[in-house]
Amino acid sequence: MADAKAKILIVEDDLDIAEMLNAYFRVQGYEVFTVNWGEDGVRAAQTVFPNLVILDIRLPDIDGFEVARRIRSDRRTHEIPIIFLTEKRDRTDRLQGFEVGADDYITKPFDVQELRLRVRNALKRVNQSSLTNPVSGLPEGALVDERLSEVVHKSGHSLLHISILNLQAFRDSYGFVASDDVLRAISMMIQNTLKETGSPEDFLGHIGPSDFVAALSPETLRPFQEKIKARLEQSLDYFYPLSDREQASKMAGRLAIFVNEIPSVYGRFSSVDQLKKELLSRSP
């Protein structure tokens, strides 16, 4: 069975095929979303954020190539694997599909077992490459869970949770490139400060898109916390354009830093999920 959390978006105007694929992949354990028009496919990709898209080329409005282009041009969806499922067999069609960023190309009529395996393999490739944050380069997902599991079940660790507040509002005002620059710069400051005050055994990773967690020794916790909080708070205004910088400190929803410590972790949490839930619930 597939991971029940994996979401598949099917964009297919043939209602019989769409219904068959919907039923088949649900039985396999996936969460399935089906639309029949290209524009609906683009909107669904931007709201559902599926783990994979199965995409027909011949659609009633815009074609599958245009759907794929829009998915690939949106920073929020450009990493989603796309498998074309189509009657178009010409070499030029295949090349065009790969040019717009398709990960695979299957022609109709198709073997549903083969499609299942290709879906499984595409999702496996994505899972293997999603162990680090694409912007900061820091560990996330399974790598962080593995380290936090050690922290939960072994004494001698402290945690510091650092959250960038109002990053979404900043992104809405100044765009994805500027917000990525903020995330990248702050992650570098945290890493450099940890190197200065910590030890090689200390760990830093993501527990959310704008949330960091540092696992370190109790002796390192206080000096690291004081130094990183001061550095980050002093730098925030400089992320704003020069024209807005003087007013940045007075803006509603301005960038801010939240720092939360757990000096002693061992014996307080039964699982990593409980620990992360506790950390994230403390953010304003």
C-alpha atoms as a PDB file:
ATOM      1  CA  MET A   1       0.000   0.000   0.000  1.00  0.00           C
ATOM      2  CA  ALA A   2       1.068   3.572  -0.658  1.00  0.00           C
ATOM      3  CA  ASP A   3       1.549   6.162   2.052  1.00  0.00           C
ATOM      4  CA  ALA A   4      -2.001   7.308   2.873  1.00  0.00           C
ATOM      5  CA  LYS A   5      -0.767  10.896   2.994  1.00  0.00           C
ATOM      6  CA  ALA A   6       0.391  10.886  -0.622  1.00  0.00           C
ATOM      7  CA  LYS A   7      -1.959  12.950  -2.767  1.00  0.00           C
ATOM      8  CA  ILE A   8      -2.493  12.386  -6.486  1.00  0.00           C
ATOM      9  CA  LEU A   9      -4.165  14.940  -8.760  1.00  0.00           C
ATOM     10  CA  ILE A  10      -5.713  13.443 -11.926  1.00  0.00           C
ATOM     11  CA  VAL A  11      -6.448  15.881 -14.765  1.00  0.00           C
ATOM     12  CA  GLU A  12      -8.418  13.829 -17.311  1.00  0.00           C
ATOM     13  CA  ASP A  13     -11.446  14.785 -19.437  1.00  0.00           C
ATOM     14  CA  ASP A  14     -12.438  11.189 -20.252  1.00  0.00           C
ATOM     15  CA  LEU A  15     -14.866  10.588 -17.396  1.00  0.00           C
ATOM     16  CA  ASP A  16     -14.593   6.796 -17.567  1.00  0.00           C
ATOM     17  CA  ILE A  17     -10.796   6.868 -17.307  1.00  0.00           C
ATOM     18  CA  ALA A  18     -10.904   9.535 -14.586  1.00  0.00           C
ATOM     19  CA  GLU A  19     -13.358   7.492 -12.533  1.00  0.00           C
ATOM     20  CA  MET A  20     -11.376   4.292 -13.007  1.00  0.00           C
ATOM     21  CA  LEU A  21      -8.085   5.909 -11.951  1.00  0.00           C
ATOM     22  CA  ASN A  22      -9.752   7.605  -9.006  1.00  0.00           C
ATOM     23  CA  ALA A  23     -11.124   4.297  -7.709  1.00  0.00           C
ATOM     24  CA  TYR A  24      -7.943   2.366  -8.439  1.00  0.00           C
ATOM     25  CA  PHE A  25      -5.521   4.717  -6.666  1.00  0.00           C
ATOM     26  CA  ARG A  26      -7.839   5.159  -3.689  1.00  0.00           C
ATOM     27  CA  VAL A  27      -7.756   1.387  -3.207  1.00  0.00           C
ATOM     28  CA  GLN A  28      -3.952   1.621  -3.338  1.00  0.00           C
ATOM     29  CA  GLY A  29      -4.046   3.971  -0.343  1.00  0.00           C
ATOM     30  CA  TYR A  30      -3.637   7.357  -2.003  1.00  0.00           C
ATOM     31  CA  GLU A  31      -5.724  10.467  -1.517  1.00  0.00           C
ATOM     32  CA  VAL A  32      -7.043  11.265  -4.997  1.00  0.00           C
ATOM     33  CA  PHE A  33      -8.373  14.487  -6.515  1.00  0.00           C
ATOM     34  CA  THR A  34      -9.892  14.464 -10.009  1.00  0.00           C
ATOM     35  CA  VAL A  35     -10.674  17.352 -12.361  1.00  0.00           C
ATOM     36  CA  ASN A  36     -11.655  17.324 -16.027  1.00  0.00           C
ATOM     37  CA  TRP A  37     -10.489  20.732 -17.291  1.00  0.00           C
ATOM     38  CA  GLY A  38      -6.993  22.206 -17.618  1.00  0.00           C
ATOM     39  CA  GLU A  39      -7.732  25.439 -15.761  1.00  0.00           C
ATOM     40  CA  ASP A  40      -9.221  23.412 -12.920  1.00  0.00           C
ATOM     41  CA  GLY A  41      -6.050  21.327 -12.890  1.00  0.00           C
ATOM     42  CA  VAL A  42      -3.865  24.405 -12.452  1.00  0.00           C
ATOM     43  CA  ARG A  43      -6.075  25.714  -9.640  1.00  0.00           C
ATOM     44  CA  ALA A  44      -6.170  22.319  -7.925  1.00  0.00           C
ATOM     45  CA  ALA A  45      -2.376  22.044  -8.043  1.00  0.00           C
ATOM     46  CA  GLN A  46      -2.118  25.447  -6.341  1.00  0.00           C
ATOM     47  CA  THR A  47      -4.646  24.651  -3.611  1.00  0.00           C
ATOM     48  CA  VAL A  48      -4.311  20.905  -2.986  1.00  0.00           C
ATOM     49  CA  PHE A  49      -0.507  20.782  -3.466  1.00  0.00           C
ATOM     50  CA  PRO A  50      -0.537  17.142  -4.595  1.00  0.00           C
ATOM     51  CA  ASN A  51       2.496  14.908  -4.371  1.00  0.00           C
ATOM     52  CA  LEU A  52       2.054  13.923  -8.021  1.00  0.00           C
ATOM     53  CA  VAL A  53      -0.036  14.910 -11.065  1.00  0.00           C
ATOM     54  CA  ILE A  54      -1.338  12.500 -13.716  1.00  0.00           C
ATOM     55  CA  LEU A  55      -2.088  14.764 -16.675  1.00  0.00           C
ATOM     56  CA  ASP A  56      -3.864  14.249 -19.996  1.00  0.00           C
ATOM     57  CA  ILE A  57      -2.721  16.403 -22.915  1.00  0.00           C
ATOM     58  CA  ARG A  58      -6.029  16.750 -24.774  1.00  0.00           C
ATOM     59  CA  LEU A  59      -8.306  18.765 -22.509  1.00  0.00           C
ATOM     60  CA  PRO A  60     -11.426  20.811 -23.306  1.00  0.00           C
ATOM     61  CA  ASP A  61      -9.859  24.232 -22.616  1.00  0.00           C
ATOM     62  CA  ILE A  62      -6.077  24.590 -22.306  1.00  0.00           C
ATOM     63  CA  ASP A  63      -3.967  21.560 -23.182  1.00  0.00           C
ATOM     64  CA  GLY A  64      -1.845  19.525 -20.804  1.00  0.00           C
ATOM     65  CA  PHE A  65       1.356  21.173 -22.006  1.00  0.00           C
ATOM     66  CA  GLU A  66       0.049  24.552 -20.813  1.00  0.00           C
ATOM     67  CA  VAL A  67      -1.084  23.032 -17.501  1.00  0.00           C
ATOM     68  CA  ALA A  68       2.409  21.617 -16.994  1.00  0.00           C
ATOM     69  CA  ARG A  69       4.024  24.970 -17.871  1.00  0.00           C
ATOM     70  CA  ARG A  70       1.934  26.779 -15.272  1.00  0.00           C
ATOM     71  CA  ILE A  71       2.636  24.165 -12.613  1.00  0.00           C
ATOM     72  CA  ARG A  72       6.364  24.406 -13.332  1.00  0.00           C
ATOM     73  CA  SER A  73       6.346  28.246 -13.353  1.00  0.00           C
ATOM     74  CA  ASP A  74       4.811  28.504  -9.873  1.00  0.00           C
ATOM     75  CA  ARG A  75       7.418  28.274  -7.145  1.00  0.00           C
ATOM     76  CA  ARG A  76       4.940  26.509  -4.855  1.00  0.00           C
ATOM     77  CA  THR A  77       4.291  23.677  -7.324  1.00  0.00           C
ATOM     78  CA  HIS A  78       7.339  23.489  -9.590  1.00  0.00           C
ATOM     79  CA  GLU A  79       8.761  20.404  -7.845  1.00  0.00           C
ATOM     80  CA  ILE A  80       5.598  18.269  -8.188  1.00  0.00           C
ATOM     81  CA  PRO A  81       6.195  15.218 -10.436  1.00  0.00           C
ATOM     82  CA  ILE A  82       4.046  15.183 -13.584  1.00  0.00           C
ATOM     83  CA  ILE A  83       3.179  12.020 -15.524  1.00  0.00           C
ATOM     84  CA  PHE A  84       1.573  12.624 -18.905  1.00  0.00           C
ATOM     85  CA  LEU A  85      -1.118  10.071 -19.789  1.00  0.00           C
ATOM     86  CA  THR A  86      -2.168  10.638 -23.382  1.00  0.00           C
ATOM     87  CA  GLU A  87      -3.155   9.301 -26.791  1.00  0.00           C
ATOM     88  CA  LYS A  88      -0.447  11.410 -28.429  1.00  0.00           C
ATOM     89  CA  ARG A  89       2.256   9.004 -29.546  1.00  0.00           C
ATOM     90  CA  ASP A  90       4.422  11.148 -31.829  1.00  0.00           C
ATOM     91  CA  ARG A  91       8.034  11.686 -30.910  1.00  0.00           C
ATOM     92  CA  THR A  92       7.508  15.449 -31.112  1.00  0.00           C
ATOM     93  CA  ASP A  93       4.721  15.219 -28.535  1.00  0.00           C
ATOM     94  CA  ARG A  94       6.953  13.234 -26.182  1.00  0.00           C
ATOM     95  CA  LEU A  95       9.757  15.747 -26.600  1.00  0.00           C
ATOM     96  CA  GLN A  96       7.375  18.617 -25.962  1.00  0.00           C
ATOM     97  CA  GLY A  97       6.146  16.878 -22.827  1.00  0.00           C
ATOM     98  CA  PHE A  98       9.659  16.527 -21.467  1.00  0.00           C
ATOM     99  CA  GLU A  99      10.517  20.089 -22.496  1.00  0.00           C
ATOM    100  CA  VAL A 100       7.758  21.457 -20.251  1.00  0.00           C
ATOM    101  CA  GLY A 101       9.051  19.403 -17.335  1.00  0.00           C
ATOM    102  CA  ALA A 102       7.221  16.062 -17.418  1.00  0.00           C
ATOM    103  CA  ASP A 103       8.800  13.315 -15.345  1.00  0.00           C
ATOM    104  CA  ASP A 104       7.216  10.496 -17.338  1.00  0.00           C
ATOM    105  CA  TYR A 105       5.083   9.954 -20.449  1.00  0.00           C
ATOM    106  CA  ILE A 106       2.621   7.077 -20.893  1.00  0.00           C
ATOM    107  CA  THR A 107       0.458   6.543 -23.973  1.00  0.00           C
ATOM    108  CA  LYS A 108      -3.104   5.207 -24.080  1.00  0.00           C
ATOM    109  CA  PRO A 109      -4.207   2.467 -23.950  1.00  0.00           C
ATOM    110  CA  PHE A 110      -2.076   1.869 -20.872  1.00  0.00           C
ATOM    111  CA  ASP A 111      -1.435  -0.892 -18.365  1.00  0.00           C
ATOM    112  CA  VAL A 112      -2.747   0.344 -15.018  1.00  0.00           C
ATOM    113  CA  GLN A 113      -0.215  -1.840 -13.171  1.00  0.00           C
ATOM    114  CA  GLU A 114       2.607  -0.156 -15.076  1.00  0.00           C
ATOM    115  CA  LEU A 115       1.132   3.249 -14.234  1.00  0.00           C
ATOM    116  CA  ARG A 116       0.950   2.276 -10.568  1.00  0.00           C
ATOM    117  CA  LEU A 117       4.634   1.349 -10.539  1.00  0.00           C
ATOM    118  CA  ARG A 118       5.623   4.548 -12.306  1.00  0.00           C
ATOM    119  CA  VAL A 119       3.633   6.568  -9.793  1.00  0.00           C
ATOM    120  CA  ARG A 120       5.276   4.694  -6.923  1.00  0.00           C
ATOM    121  CA  ASN A 121       8.765   5.224  -8.347  1.00  0.00           C
ATOM    122  CA  ALA A 122       8.183   8.925  -8.994  1.00  0.00           C
ATOM    123  CA  LEU A 123       6.972   9.454  -5.432  1.00  0.00           C
ATOM    124  CA  LYS A 124       9.935   7.505  -4.080  1.00  0.00           C
ATOM    125  CA  ARG A 125      12.354   9.767  -5.987  1.00  0.00           C
ATOM    126  CA  VAL A 126      10.653  12.833  -4.553  1.00  0.00           C
ATOM    127  CA  ASN A 127      10.764  11.467  -1.007  1.00  0.00           C
ATOM    128  CA  GLN A 128      14.459  10.686  -1.308  1.00  0.00           C
ATOM    129  CA  SER A 129      15.238  14.228  -2.493  1.00  0.00           C
ATOM    130  CA  SER A 130      13.097  16.020   0.103  1.00  0.00           C
ATOM    131  CA  LEU A 131      15.431  15.543   3.057  1.00  0.00           C
ATOM    132  CA  THR A 132      16.783  19.084   2.902  1.00  0.00           C
ATOM    133  CA  ASN A 133      15.024  22.420   2.539  1.00  0.00           C
ATOM    134  CA  PRO A 134      15.513  23.705  -1.050  1.00  0.00           C
ATOM    135  CA  VAL A 135      16.061  27.303   0.130  1.00  0.00           C
ATOM    136  CA  SER A 136      18.151  26.986   3.289  1.00  0.00           C
ATOM    137  CA  GLY A 137      19.811  23.652   2.525  1.00  0.00           C
ATOM    138  CA  LEU A 138      19.157  22.552   6.108  1.00  0.00           C
ATOM    139  CA  PRO A 139      17.796  19.101   7.017  1.00  0.00           C
ATOM    140  CA  GLU A 140      14.026  18.661   7.226  1.00  0.00           C
ATOM    141  CA  GLY A 141      11.493  15.850   7.287  1.00  0.00           C
ATOM    142  CA  ALA A 142      12.831  12.394   8.113  1.00  0.00           C
ATOM    143  CA  LEU A 143      16.358  13.609   8.922  1.00  0.00           C
ATOM    144  CA  VAL A 144      15.055  15.989  11.578  1.00  0.00           C
ATOM    145  CA  ASP A 145      12.614  13.404  12.970  1.00  0.00           C
ATOM    146  CA  GLU A 146      15.457  10.910  13.298  1.00  0.00           C
ATOM    147  CA  ARG A 147      17.600  13.363  15.270  1.00  0.00           C
ATOM    148  CA  LEU A 148      14.716  14.531  17.445  1.00  0.00           C
ATOM    149  CA  SER A 149      13.940  10.905  18.267  1.00  0.00           C
ATOM    150  CA  GLU A 150      17.405  10.655  19.803  1.00  0.00           C
ATOM    151  CA  VAL A 151      16.753  13.830  21.768  1.00  0.00           C
ATOM    152  CA  VAL A 152      13.424  12.555  23.092  1.00  0.00           C
ATOM    153  CA  HIS A 153      14.812   9.206  24.244  1.00  0.00           C
ATOM    154  CA  LYS A 154      18.266  10.196  25.467  1.00  0.00           C
ATOM    155  CA  SER A 155      19.266  12.596  28.230  1.00  0.00           C
ATOM    156  CA  GLY A 156      21.695  15.494  27.880  1.00  0.00           C
ATOM    157  CA  HIS A 157      19.972  17.542  25.171  1.00  0.00           C
ATOM    158  CA  SER A 158      18.378  20.961  25.091  1.00  0.00           C
ATOM    159  CA  LEU A 159      16.310  22.457  22.283  1.00  0.00           C
ATOM    160  CA  LEU A 160      15.943  25.950  20.920  1.00  0.00           C
ATOM    161  CA  HIS A 161      13.054  26.714  18.584  1.00  0.00           C
ATOM    162  CA  ILE A 162      13.531  29.773  16.341  1.00  0.00           C
ATOM    163  CA  SER A 163      10.585  30.990  14.278  1.00  0.00           C
ATOM    164  CA  ILE A 164      10.452  33.736  11.651  1.00  0.00           C
ATOM    165  CA  LEU A 165       7.137  35.480  12.240  1.00  0.00           C
ATOM    166  CA  ASN A 166       5.111  37.153   9.462  1.00  0.00           C
ATOM    167  CA  LEU A 167       7.246  35.752   6.642  1.00  0.00           C
ATOM    168  CA  GLN A 168       4.071  35.098   4.618  1.00  0.00           C
ATOM    169  CA  ALA A 169       3.036  38.766   4.928  1.00  0.00           C
ATOM    170  CA  PHE A 170       6.537  39.778   3.801  1.00  0.00           C
ATOM    171  CA  ARG A 171       6.242  37.383   0.834  1.00  0.00           C
ATOM    172  CA  ASP A 172       2.865  38.834  -0.137  1.00  0.00           C
ATOM    173  CA  SER A 173       4.333  42.339  -0.183  1.00  0.00           C
ATOM    174  CA  TYR A 174       7.763  41.743  -1.727  1.00  0.00           C
ATOM    175  CA  GLY A 175       7.544  38.408  -3.546  1.00  0.00           C
ATOM    176  CA  PHE A 176       9.000  34.915  -3.315  1.00  0.00           C
ATOM    177  CA  VAL A 177      12.555  35.887  -4.217  1.00  0.00           C
ATOM    178  CA  ALA A 178      12.789  38.423  -1.385  1.00  0.00           C
ATOM    179  CA  SER A 179      11.239  36.047   1.170  1.00  0.00           C
ATOM    180  CA  ASP A 180      13.615  33.263   0.097  1.00  0.00           C
ATOM    181  CA  ASP A 181      16.504  35.676   0.638  1.00  0.00           C
ATOM    182  CA  VAL A 182      15.242  36.280   4.181  1.00  0.00           C
ATOM    183  CA  LEU A 183      14.995  32.561   4.928  1.00  0.00           C
ATOM    184  CA  ARG A 184      18.420  31.884   3.414  1.00  0.00           C
ATOM    185  CA  ALA A 185      20.134  34.733   5.277  1.00  0.00           C
ATOM    186  CA  ILE A 186      18.583  33.876   8.638  1.00  0.00           C
ATOM    187  CA  SER A 187      19.477  30.206   8.283  1.00  0.00           C
ATOM    188  CA  MET A 188      23.100  31.187   7.572  1.00  0.00           C
ATOM    189  CA  MET A 189      23.202  33.433  10.643  1.00  0.00           C
ATOM    190  CA  ILE A 190      21.850  30.642  12.812  1.00  0.00           C
ATOM    191  CA  GLN A 191      24.372  28.149  11.410  1.00  0.00           C
ATOM    192  CA  ASN A 192      27.301  30.523  11.871  1.00  0.00           C
ATOM    193  CA  THR A 193      26.283  31.393  15.423  1.00  0.00           C
ATOM    194  CA  LEU A 194      25.917  27.717  16.294  1.00  0.00           C
ATOM    195  CA  LYS A 195      29.424  27.062  14.982  1.00  0.00           C
ATOM    196  CA  GLU A 196      30.786  29.888  17.138  1.00  0.00           C
ATOM    197  CA  THR A 197      29.086  28.895  20.375  1.00  0.00           C
ATOM    198  CA  GLY A 198      28.334  25.205  19.978  1.00  0.00           C
ATOM    199  CA  SER A 199      30.063  21.911  19.249  1.00  0.00           C
ATOM    200  CA  PRO A 200      30.263  19.549  16.235  1.00  0.00           C
ATOM    201  CA  GLU A 201      27.573  17.343  17.824  1.00  0.00           C
ATOM    202  CA  ASP A 202      24.955  20.109  17.741  1.00  0.00           C
ATOM    203  CA  PHE A 203      22.169  19.824  15.181  1.00  0.00           C
ATOM    204  CA  LEU A 204      20.099  22.368  13.261  1.00  0.00           C
ATOM    205  CA  GLY A 205      17.104  21.663  11.021  1.00  0.00           C
ATOM    206  CA  HIS A 206      13.583  22.688   9.994  1.00  0.00           C
ATOM    207  CA  ILE A 207      10.354  21.680  11.722  1.00  0.00           C
ATOM    208  CA  GLY A 208       8.363  24.013   9.461  1.00  0.00           C
ATOM    209  CA  PRO A 209       8.972  26.235   6.420  1.00  0.00           C
ATOM    210  CA  SER A 210       9.985  29.168   8.640  1.00  0.00           C
ATOM    211  CA  ASP A 211      10.703  27.271  11.862  1.00  0.00           C
ATOM    212  CA  PHE A 212      14.113  26.017  12.963  1.00  0.00           C
ATOM    213  CA  VAL A 213      15.073  23.715  15.808  1.00  0.00           C
ATOM    214  CA  ALA A 214      18.553  23.425  17.288  1.00  0.00           C
ATOM    215  CA  ALA A 215      19.474  20.416  19.413  1.00  0.00           C
ATOM    216  CA  LEU A 216      22.453  21.209  21.617  1.00  0.00           C
ATOM    217  CA  SER A 217      23.996  20.632  25.020  1.00  0.00           C
ATOM    218  CA  PRO A 218      22.510  22.421  28.034  1.00  0.00           C
ATOM    219  CA  GLU A 219      25.797  24.338  28.467  1.00  0.00           C
ATOM    220  CA  THR A 220      25.556  25.742  24.939  1.00  0.00           C
ATOM    221  CA  LEU A 221      21.888  26.703  25.136  1.00  0.00           C
ATOM    222  CA  ARG A 222      22.064  30.057  26.939  1.00  0.00           C
ATOM    223  CA  PRO A 223      25.047  31.646  25.124  1.00  0.00           C
ATOM    224  CA  PHE A 224      23.707  30.504  21.761  1.00  0.00           C
ATOM    225  CA  GLN A 225      20.206  31.770  22.543  1.00  0.00           C
ATOM    226  CA  GLU A 226      21.380  35.205  23.646  1.00  0.00           C
ATOM    227  CA  LYS A 227      23.727  35.700  20.705  1.00  0.00           C
ATOM    228  CA  ILE A 228      21.373  34.515  17.956  1.00  0.00           C
ATOM    229  CA  LYS A 229      18.398  36.470  19.274  1.00  0.00           C
ATOM    230  CA  ALA A 230      20.414  39.704  19.329  1.00  0.00           C
ATOM    231  CA  ARG A 231      21.845  39.113  15.848  1.00  0.00           C
ATOM    232  CA  LEU A 232      18.541  38.286  14.224  1.00  0.00           C
ATOM    233  CA  GLU A 233      16.590  41.138  15.792  1.00  0.00           C
ATOM    234  CA  GLN A 234      19.242  43.635  14.697  1.00  0.00           C
ATOM    235  CA  SER A 235      19.115  42.416  11.095  1.00  0.00           C
ATOM    236  CA  LEU A 236      15.378  42.330  10.385  1.00  0.00           C
ATOM    237  CA  ASP A 237      14.913  45.903   9.154  1.00  0.00           C
ATOM    238  CA  TYR A 238      17.655  45.424   6.560  1.00  0.00           C
ATOM    239  CA  PHE A 239      15.593  42.835   4.709  1.00  0.00           C
ATOM    240  CA  TYR A 240      13.169  45.575   3.660  1.00  0.00           C
ATOM    241  CA  PRO A 241      13.782  47.755   0.592  1.00  0.00           C
ATOM    242  CA  LEU A 242      15.566  50.994   1.405  1.00  0.00           C
ATOM    243  CA  SER A 243      12.403  52.991   0.682  1.00  0.00           C
ATOM    244  CA  ASP A 244      10.507  51.089   3.393  1.00  0.00           C
ATOM    245  CA  ARG A 245      13.302  50.577   5.885  1.00  0.00           C
ATOM    246  CA  GLU A 246      12.651  53.596   8.081  1.00  0.00           C
ATOM    247  CA  GLN A 247       9.030  52.569   8.532  1.00  0.00           C
ATOM    248  CA  ALA A 248       9.697  48.844   8.897  1.00  0.00           C
ATOM    249  CA  SER A 249       9.734  48.896  12.688  1.00  0.00           C
ATOM    250  CA  LYS A 250       6.291  50.517  12.726  1.00  0.00           C
ATOM    251  CA  MET A 251       4.655  48.189  10.187  1.00  0.00           C
ATOM    252  CA  ALA A 252       1.818  45.945  11.271  1.00  0.00           C
ATOM    253  CA  GLY A 253       2.816  42.358  10.589  1.00  0.00           C
ATOM    254  CA  ARG A 254       6.502  43.206  10.235  1.00  0.00           C
ATOM    255  CA  LEU A 255       9.143  40.493  10.321  1.00  0.00           C
ATOM    256  CA  ALA A 256       9.889  39.316  13.840  1.00  0.00           C
ATOM    257  CA  ILE A 257      11.746  36.534  15.594  1.00  0.00           C
ATOM    258  CA  PHE A 258      10.313  34.188  18.205  1.00  0.00           C
ATOM    259  CA  VAL A 259      12.762  32.158  20.295  1.00  0.00           C
ATOM    260  CA  ASN A 260      11.598  29.384  22.610  1.00  0.00           C
ATOM    261  CA  GLU A 261      13.792  27.100  24.718  1.00  0.00           C
ATOM    262  CA  ILE A 262      13.310  23.646  26.219  1.00  0.00           C
ATOM    263  CA  PRO A 263      16.324  23.268  28.522  1.00  0.00           C
ATOM    264  CA  SER A 264      15.656  19.596  29.281  1.00  0.00           C
ATOM    265  CA  VAL A 265      13.847  17.338  26.819  1.00  0.00           C
ATOM    266  CA  TYR A 266      14.393  13.773  28.064  1.00  0.00           C
ATOM    267  CA  GLY A 267      11.348  12.194  29.740  1.00  0.00           C
ATOM    268  CA  ARG A 268       8.966  15.039  28.873  1.00  0.00           C
ATOM    269  CA  PHE A 269       7.642  13.766  25.538  1.00  0.00           C
ATOM    270  CA  SER A 270       6.466  10.360  24.400  1.00  0.00           C
ATOM    271  CA  SER A 271       7.118  10.926  20.695  1.00  0.00           C
ATOM    272  CA  VAL A 272       8.692  13.255  18.140  1.00  0.00           C
ATOM    273  CA  ASP A 273       5.253  14.331  16.927  1.00  0.00           C
ATOM    274  CA  GLN A 274       4.279  15.383  20.436  1.00  0.00           C
ATOM    275  CA  LEU A 275       7.514  17.349  20.776  1.00  0.00           C
ATOM    276  CA  LYS A 276       7.065  19.176  17.461  1.00  0.00           C
ATOM    277  CA  LYS A 277       3.431  19.919  18.227  1.00  0.00           C
ATOM    278  CA  GLU A 278       4.462  21.424  21.548  1.00  0.00           C
ATOM    279  CA  LEU A 279       7.162  23.572  19.939  1.00  0.00           C
ATOM    280  CA  LEU A 280       4.952  24.895  17.145  1.00  0.00           C
ATOM    281  CA  SER A 281       2.020  25.561  19.466  1.00  0.00           C
ATOM    282  CA  ARG A 282       4.097  28.023  21.454  1.00  0.00           C
ATOM    283  CA  SER A 283       4.676  30.345  18.482  1.00  0.00           C
ATOM    284  CA  PRO A 284       2.572  33.531  18.555  1.00  0.00           C
END
